Amino acid sequence: VQLMESGGGSVQAGGSLRLSCKGTGYTHSTYCMAWFRQAPGTEREGVAYIDSNGLTTYEVFVKGRVTISADNAENTLYLQLNALTPEDTAMYYCAAGPYEGVHLYGRLVSYGYTDWGQGTQVTVSS
C-alpha cells in the first residue's frame, strides 16, 4: 500500500486548499480512510474520516470548514479546507486502515490505521 498526498501550500487566513491523497496497491473502497494533522511539538490528531459507504466523521475543531470525500474509482481521497486560520498550520497526512482495526480504537484515533502517506504541509499566515 502506498499513499501520496499533494495539494498543500501557503495561504492567508480565510483562504482555502484542497488536499489529495492517491492510493496504490489496495482497493480504496474496502478500507477506512482518514486525514490527520500534526503541528511541531504536538500530537498527531484526527481531522476527518470516511468509510467505504461514504459515512463521514469530523473533529469538532474543523466541523463546518472541512469536507472529506473519496473517488473510489480513482483510489483518491480528498480534503477540502475552507476558512483556514493560523491554527490549521500543520503537516497533513492521509491514512488507511481496515474497518475492524479502525473501529477498535476510534475513527479519528491513529492507532487503528496501518498505512500512512508522507504528508503535505499546510501553512496559514495571519
N, C-alpha and C. Protein backbone atom coordinates (compact mmCIF):
# COMPACT_ATOMS: atom_id res chain seq x y z
N VAL A 1 0.85 -1.18 0.00
CA VAL A 1 0.00 0.00 0.00
C VAL A 1 0.89 1.24 0.00
N GLN A 2 0.57 2.15 -0.89
CA GLN A 2 1.28 3.43 -0.91
C GLN A 2 0.26 4.55 -0.99
N LEU A 3 0.49 5.57 -0.20
CA LEU A 3 -0.36 6.75 -0.17
C LEU A 3 0.49 7.97 -0.44
N MET A 4 0.03 8.84 -1.33
CA MET A 4 0.81 10.01 -1.70
C MET A 4 -0.08 11.24 -1.64
N GLU A 5 0.21 12.15 -0.69
CA GLU A 5 -0.56 13.37 -0.55
C GLU A 5 -0.01 14.48 -1.45
N SER A 6 -0.89 15.40 -1.79
CA SER A 6 -0.49 16.60 -2.54
C SER A 6 -1.51 17.69 -2.25
N GLY A 7 -1.18 18.90 -2.68
CA GLY A 7 -2.14 19.99 -2.57
C GLY A 7 -1.89 20.96 -1.44
N GLY A 8 -0.92 20.68 -0.59
CA GLY A 8 -0.62 21.61 0.49
C GLY A 8 0.03 22.88 -0.06
N GLY A 9 0.18 23.87 0.81
CA GLY A 9 0.80 25.11 0.39
C GLY A 9 0.65 26.17 1.46
N SER A 10 0.98 27.40 1.08
CA SER A 10 0.88 28.54 1.98
C SER A 10 -0.25 29.44 1.54
N VAL A 11 -1.14 29.75 2.46
CA VAL A 11 -2.28 30.62 2.18
C VAL A 11 -2.45 31.62 3.30
N GLN A 12 -3.20 32.67 3.04
CA GLN A 12 -3.54 33.61 4.08
C GLN A 12 -4.79 33.16 4.82
N ALA A 13 -4.95 33.65 6.02
CA ALA A 13 -6.13 33.32 6.82
C ALA A 13 -7.39 33.62 6.03
N GLY A 14 -8.33 32.70 6.11
CA GLY A 14 -9.57 32.83 5.35
C GLY A 14 -9.54 32.11 4.02
N GLY A 15 -8.37 31.68 3.60
CA GLY A 15 -8.22 31.01 2.32
C GLY A 15 -8.63 29.55 2.36
N SER A 16 -8.48 28.90 1.21
CA SER A 16 -8.89 27.51 1.05
C SER A 16 -7.79 26.70 0.37
N LEU A 17 -7.79 25.42 0.65
CA LEU A 17 -6.91 24.47 -0.02
C LEU A 17 -7.67 23.17 -0.22
N ARG A 18 -7.29 22.43 -1.26
CA ARG A 18 -7.84 21.09 -1.46
C ARG A 18 -6.68 20.10 -1.48
N LEU A 19 -6.65 19.23 -0.50
CA LEU A 19 -5.62 18.22 -0.41
C LEU A 19 -6.10 16.95 -1.10
N SER A 20 -5.16 16.24 -1.73
CA SER A 20 -5.46 14.97 -2.38
C SER A 20 -4.54 13.89 -1.84
N CYS A 21 -5.03 12.65 -1.90
CA CYS A 21 -4.22 11.51 -1.47
C CYS A 21 -4.48 10.37 -2.44
N LYS A 22 -3.51 10.07 -3.26
CA LYS A 22 -3.63 8.99 -4.24
C LYS A 22 -3.11 7.70 -3.64
N GLY A 23 -3.92 6.66 -3.68
CA GLY A 23 -3.53 5.38 -3.13
C GLY A 23 -3.27 4.34 -4.20
N THR A 24 -2.28 3.50 -3.98
CA THR A 24 -2.00 2.39 -4.88
C THR A 24 -1.73 1.14 -4.06
N GLY A 25 -1.97 -0.01 -4.66
CA GLY A 25 -1.66 -1.27 -4.00
C GLY A 25 -2.77 -1.82 -3.13
N TYR A 26 -3.96 -1.22 -3.21
CA TYR A 26 -5.08 -1.72 -2.43
C TYR A 26 -6.36 -1.22 -3.08
N THR A 27 -7.47 -1.76 -2.59
CA THR A 27 -8.77 -1.32 -3.08
C THR A 27 -9.35 -0.31 -2.11
N HIS A 28 -9.39 0.92 -2.54
CA HIS A 28 -9.80 2.02 -1.69
C HIS A 28 -11.16 1.78 -1.05
N SER A 29 -12.06 1.19 -1.80
CA SER A 29 -13.43 1.05 -1.32
C SER A 29 -13.56 0.05 -0.18
N THR A 30 -12.53 -0.73 0.11
CA THR A 30 -12.62 -1.70 1.19
C THR A 30 -11.95 -1.22 2.47
N TYR A 31 -11.37 -0.04 2.46
CA TYR A 31 -10.66 0.49 3.61
C TYR A 31 -11.41 1.67 4.22
N CYS A 32 -11.11 1.94 5.46
CA CYS A 32 -11.47 3.20 6.09
C CYS A 32 -10.32 4.18 5.83
N MET A 33 -10.66 5.42 5.55
CA MET A 33 -9.66 6.43 5.22
C MET A 33 -9.84 7.63 6.13
N ALA A 34 -8.76 8.32 6.37
CA ALA A 34 -8.86 9.50 7.24
C ALA A 34 -7.73 10.46 6.94
N TRP A 35 -7.93 11.70 7.36
CA TRP A 35 -6.90 12.72 7.37
C TRP A 35 -6.53 13.03 8.81
N PHE A 36 -5.24 13.14 9.05
CA PHE A 36 -4.71 13.56 10.34
C PHE A 36 -3.81 14.77 10.10
N ARG A 37 -3.48 15.46 11.17
CA ARG A 37 -2.53 16.56 11.06
C ARG A 37 -1.65 16.61 12.29
N GLN A 38 -0.47 17.17 12.11
CA GLN A 38 0.46 17.30 13.22
C GLN A 38 1.26 18.58 13.07
N ALA A 39 1.16 19.43 14.06
CA ALA A 39 1.96 20.65 14.13
C ALA A 39 3.21 20.37 14.96
N PRO A 40 4.27 21.12 14.76
CA PRO A 40 5.51 20.88 15.52
C PRO A 40 5.26 20.91 17.02
N GLY A 41 5.77 19.90 17.71
CA GLY A 41 5.66 19.85 19.16
C GLY A 41 4.32 19.38 19.68
N THR A 42 3.44 18.91 18.78
CA THR A 42 2.12 18.45 19.21
C THR A 42 1.90 17.01 18.79
N GLU A 43 0.86 16.41 19.37
CA GLU A 43 0.48 15.05 18.98
C GLU A 43 -0.24 15.08 17.62
N ARG A 44 -0.15 13.96 16.91
CA ARG A 44 -0.92 13.83 15.67
C ARG A 44 -2.40 13.72 16.04
N GLU A 45 -3.24 14.49 15.35
CA GLU A 45 -4.66 14.50 15.68
C GLU A 45 -5.52 14.21 14.45
N GLY A 46 -6.61 13.52 14.68
CA GLY A 46 -7.52 13.22 13.59
C GLY A 46 -8.29 14.45 13.15
N VAL A 47 -8.54 14.55 11.85
CA VAL A 47 -9.27 15.68 11.28
C VAL A 47 -10.61 15.21 10.73
N ALA A 48 -10.59 14.20 9.86
CA ALA A 48 -11.81 13.74 9.21
C ALA A 48 -11.65 12.30 8.78
N TYR A 49 -12.78 11.61 8.72
CA TYR A 49 -12.81 10.17 8.42
C TYR A 49 -13.91 9.90 7.39
N ILE A 50 -13.66 8.89 6.54
CA ILE A 50 -14.69 8.43 5.63
C ILE A 50 -14.55 6.93 5.45
N ASP A 51 -15.69 6.22 5.40
CA ASP A 51 -15.60 4.77 5.19
C ASP A 51 -16.09 4.41 3.80
N SER A 52 -16.12 3.13 3.51
CA SER A 52 -16.44 2.67 2.16
C SER A 52 -17.89 2.95 1.77
N ASN A 53 -18.74 3.23 2.75
CA ASN A 53 -20.13 3.58 2.46
C ASN A 53 -20.36 5.08 2.36
N GLY A 54 -19.29 5.84 2.53
CA GLY A 54 -19.41 7.29 2.46
C GLY A 54 -19.75 7.95 3.78
N LEU A 55 -19.80 7.18 4.87
CA LEU A 55 -20.06 7.76 6.19
C LEU A 55 -18.87 8.62 6.60
N THR A 56 -19.11 9.83 7.06
CA THR A 56 -18.04 10.73 7.44
C THR A 56 -18.13 11.13 8.91
N THR A 57 -16.98 11.44 9.47
CA THR A 57 -16.87 11.96 10.83
C THR A 57 -15.83 13.06 10.82
N TYR A 58 -16.13 14.14 11.54
CA TYR A 58 -15.21 15.27 11.61
C TYR A 58 -14.87 15.60 13.05
N GLU A 59 -13.64 16.03 13.27
CA GLU A 59 -13.27 16.52 14.59
C GLU A 59 -13.94 17.87 14.78
N VAL A 60 -14.27 18.20 16.03
CA VAL A 60 -15.09 19.37 16.27
C VAL A 60 -14.40 20.66 15.85
N PHE A 61 -13.05 20.69 15.91
CA PHE A 61 -12.38 21.95 15.61
C PHE A 61 -12.36 22.29 14.12
N VAL A 62 -12.81 21.36 13.25
CA VAL A 62 -12.87 21.65 11.81
C VAL A 62 -14.29 21.54 11.25
N LYS A 63 -15.21 21.11 12.07
CA LYS A 63 -16.55 20.86 11.57
C LYS A 63 -17.14 22.14 10.98
N GLY A 64 -17.70 22.02 9.77
CA GLY A 64 -18.26 23.17 9.09
C GLY A 64 -17.29 23.87 8.18
N ARG A 65 -16.00 23.59 8.33
CA ARG A 65 -14.98 24.23 7.49
C ARG A 65 -14.29 23.25 6.57
N VAL A 66 -14.51 21.97 6.79
CA VAL A 66 -13.74 20.93 6.11
C VAL A 66 -14.68 19.89 5.53
N THR A 67 -14.35 19.37 4.35
CA THR A 67 -15.13 18.30 3.74
C THR A 67 -14.19 17.21 3.26
N ILE A 68 -14.45 15.99 3.70
CA ILE A 68 -13.70 14.84 3.23
C ILE A 68 -14.52 14.11 2.18
N SER A 69 -13.87 13.64 1.13
CA SER A 69 -14.56 12.90 0.09
C SER A 69 -13.59 11.91 -0.54
N ALA A 70 -14.15 10.96 -1.29
CA ALA A 70 -13.31 9.95 -1.91
C ALA A 70 -13.84 9.60 -3.30
N ASP A 71 -12.92 9.39 -4.20
CA ASP A 71 -13.26 8.88 -5.53
C ASP A 71 -12.73 7.45 -5.58
N ASN A 72 -13.61 6.49 -5.32
CA ASN A 72 -13.17 5.10 -5.23
C ASN A 72 -12.63 4.57 -6.55
N ALA A 73 -13.18 5.04 -7.65
CA ALA A 73 -12.71 4.57 -8.96
C ALA A 73 -11.27 4.99 -9.21
N GLU A 74 -10.89 6.16 -8.66
CA GLU A 74 -9.53 6.66 -8.82
C GLU A 74 -8.65 6.37 -7.62
N ASN A 75 -9.20 5.71 -6.61
CA ASN A 75 -8.44 5.45 -5.37
C ASN A 75 -7.83 6.74 -4.82
N THR A 76 -8.62 7.78 -4.79
CA THR A 76 -8.13 9.08 -4.34
C THR A 76 -9.03 9.64 -3.25
N LEU A 77 -8.39 10.14 -2.21
CA LEU A 77 -9.07 10.75 -1.08
C LEU A 77 -8.82 12.25 -1.15
N TYR A 78 -9.83 13.04 -0.76
CA TYR A 78 -9.70 14.49 -0.81
C TYR A 78 -10.03 15.10 0.56
N LEU A 79 -9.47 16.28 0.78
CA LEU A 79 -9.85 17.07 1.96
C LEU A 79 -9.93 18.53 1.53
N GLN A 80 -11.14 19.06 1.51
CA GLN A 80 -11.36 20.46 1.19
C GLN A 80 -11.29 21.27 2.49
N LEU A 81 -10.36 22.21 2.55
CA LEU A 81 -10.17 23.05 3.72
C LEU A 81 -10.60 24.47 3.39
N ASN A 82 -11.55 25.01 4.15
CA ASN A 82 -12.03 26.36 3.94
C ASN A 82 -11.87 27.19 5.21
N ALA A 83 -11.94 28.51 5.05
CA ALA A 83 -11.85 29.42 6.19
C ALA A 83 -10.66 29.07 7.08
N LEU A 84 -9.52 28.89 6.46
CA LEU A 84 -8.34 28.47 7.21
C LEU A 84 -7.87 29.54 8.18
N THR A 85 -7.34 29.11 9.31
CA THR A 85 -6.77 30.00 10.32
C THR A 85 -5.32 29.57 10.59
N PRO A 86 -4.52 30.43 11.18
CA PRO A 86 -3.14 30.03 11.50
C PRO A 86 -3.06 28.78 12.36
N GLU A 87 -4.10 28.51 13.14
CA GLU A 87 -4.12 27.30 13.97
C GLU A 87 -4.24 26.02 13.15
N ASP A 88 -4.58 26.14 11.88
CA ASP A 88 -4.65 24.98 11.00
C ASP A 88 -3.29 24.62 10.40
N THR A 89 -2.28 25.43 10.67
CA THR A 89 -0.94 25.16 10.15
C THR A 89 -0.41 23.85 10.73
N ALA A 90 -0.06 22.92 9.83
CA ALA A 90 0.40 21.59 10.25
C ALA A 90 0.79 20.78 9.02
N MET A 91 1.42 19.64 9.28
CA MET A 91 1.60 18.64 8.23
C MET A 91 0.35 17.78 8.23
N TYR A 92 -0.22 17.61 7.06
CA TYR A 92 -1.45 16.83 6.93
C TYR A 92 -1.12 15.48 6.30
N TYR A 93 -1.64 14.42 6.92
CA TYR A 93 -1.36 13.06 6.48
C TYR A 93 -2.66 12.34 6.15
N CYS A 94 -2.65 11.53 5.09
CA CYS A 94 -3.77 10.63 4.88
C CYS A 94 -3.39 9.25 5.41
N ALA A 95 -4.39 8.50 5.79
CA ALA A 95 -4.16 7.19 6.39
C ALA A 95 -5.25 6.23 5.95
N ALA A 96 -4.89 4.96 5.88
CA ALA A 96 -5.84 3.90 5.52
C ALA A 96 -5.74 2.78 6.54
N GLY A 97 -6.88 2.15 6.79
CA GLY A 97 -6.87 1.06 7.75
C GLY A 97 -8.07 0.16 7.58
N PRO A 98 -7.98 -1.08 8.02
CA PRO A 98 -9.11 -1.99 7.94
C PRO A 98 -10.19 -1.59 8.92
N TYR A 99 -11.43 -1.90 8.58
CA TYR A 99 -12.58 -1.46 9.37
C TYR A 99 -12.45 -1.89 10.84
N GLU A 100 -12.09 -3.16 11.06
CA GLU A 100 -12.07 -3.67 12.44
C GLU A 100 -11.04 -2.94 13.29
N GLY A 101 -9.85 -2.74 12.72
CA GLY A 101 -8.80 -2.08 13.48
C GLY A 101 -9.14 -0.63 13.79
N VAL A 102 -9.67 0.07 12.78
CA VAL A 102 -10.00 1.47 12.97
C VAL A 102 -11.07 1.62 14.04
N HIS A 103 -12.09 0.80 13.99
CA HIS A 103 -13.19 0.94 14.94
C HIS A 103 -12.85 0.37 16.31
N LEU A 104 -11.81 -0.42 16.41
CA LEU A 104 -11.36 -0.87 17.74
C LEU A 104 -10.89 0.32 18.57
N TYR A 105 -10.20 1.27 17.90
CA TYR A 105 -9.63 2.40 18.63
C TYR A 105 -10.46 3.68 18.48
N GLY A 106 -11.18 3.81 17.37
CA GLY A 106 -11.92 5.05 17.13
C GLY A 106 -11.56 5.62 15.77
N ARG A 107 -12.56 6.21 15.11
CA ARG A 107 -12.40 6.64 13.72
C ARG A 107 -11.32 7.70 13.56
N LEU A 108 -11.11 8.53 14.55
CA LEU A 108 -10.12 9.61 14.45
C LEU A 108 -8.95 9.39 15.40
N VAL A 109 -8.68 8.13 15.68
CA VAL A 109 -7.53 7.76 16.50
C VAL A 109 -6.53 7.04 15.61
N SER A 110 -5.27 7.44 15.69
CA SER A 110 -4.28 6.97 14.72
C SER A 110 -3.93 5.49 14.84
N TYR A 111 -4.11 4.89 16.02
CA TYR A 111 -3.60 3.53 16.24
C TYR A 111 -4.18 2.49 15.30
N GLY A 112 -5.41 2.68 14.85
CA GLY A 112 -6.06 1.68 14.02
C GLY A 112 -5.69 1.73 12.56
N TYR A 113 -4.94 2.76 12.16
CA TYR A 113 -4.59 2.94 10.75
C TYR A 113 -3.23 2.30 10.48
N THR A 114 -3.17 1.51 9.42
CA THR A 114 -1.98 0.72 9.14
C THR A 114 -1.06 1.33 8.08
N ASP A 115 -1.58 2.23 7.30
CA ASP A 115 -0.78 2.78 6.20
C ASP A 115 -0.92 4.30 6.16
N TRP A 116 0.21 4.96 5.94
CA TRP A 116 0.28 6.41 6.02
C TRP A 116 1.04 6.99 4.83
N GLY A 117 0.61 8.17 4.41
CA GLY A 117 1.39 8.90 3.42
C GLY A 117 2.52 9.67 4.08
N GLN A 118 3.28 10.39 3.26
CA GLN A 118 4.44 11.12 3.78
C GLN A 118 4.07 12.51 4.28
N GLY A 119 2.87 12.96 3.98
CA GLY A 119 2.40 14.25 4.47
C GLY A 119 2.53 15.36 3.46
N THR A 120 1.69 16.37 3.60
CA THR A 120 1.76 17.59 2.80
C THR A 120 1.57 18.77 3.75
N GLN A 121 2.43 19.77 3.62
CA GLN A 121 2.45 20.88 4.58
C GLN A 121 1.41 21.93 4.22
N VAL A 122 0.66 22.35 5.22
CA VAL A 122 -0.28 23.46 5.10
C VAL A 122 0.19 24.56 6.05
N THR A 123 0.40 25.74 5.51
CA THR A 123 0.84 26.88 6.31
C THR A 123 -0.12 28.04 6.08
N VAL A 124 -0.69 28.55 7.17
CA VAL A 124 -1.67 29.63 7.09
C VAL A 124 -1.11 30.85 7.81
N SER A 125 -1.01 31.96 7.12
CA SER A 125 -0.49 33.18 7.72
C SER A 125 -1.64 34.13 8.04
N SER A 126 -1.42 34.93 9.08
CA SER A 126 -2.46 35.87 9.52
C SER A 126 -2.38 37.19 8.78
